[in-house]
Amino acid sequence: MKWVVIPPGLRKEEIAALLAPALGWTTKQKTEWIKKSTTTKPEYIEGVYAPDTYLIPVGEKPADVATRLIAKFNEGFRSLSAPIHGKEHKVDQRSHACLYSSA
C-alpha cells in the first residue's frame, strides 16, 4: 500500500505522473491510465479525479485506480440525493448539475 496525494487542479495526465512512480507502473500502464482507464465513459474523462490523499494497493490495475478516484468524487455528491426544500433532486453525472423535480 502506498499513500498518494492528488492536489486540486491536476489533469489526468498529471495525475498519472504522480501515480506511476508511487505504484510502480510501467510506461504501458501509465499510458493505459491516460488513454483507456480514464475514458470508460465520456463524463469521466476529466474533472472527476478528486483531490485527496489515497491509500492505494501497489499493483492495483490502472482501471481500478480510476474507479477508486471516481468513487471518491461521486461520494461528494451523495449528500445531494436527500430532498432539499421539499424537492427531490439528482445529480446529472455528465454535467454534475443538480436537477430538481416537484416532490
Foldseek 3Di string as FASTA:
>chain_A
DFKFFDDPDDAQLVVLVRCCVRLVHDPVQSVCLQPPLQPPDVLRNTDQQDGDIDDDHRVDRSNVNSVVRNVVSVVVCPVLQDDDPQWGWDADSNVRDIDTDHD
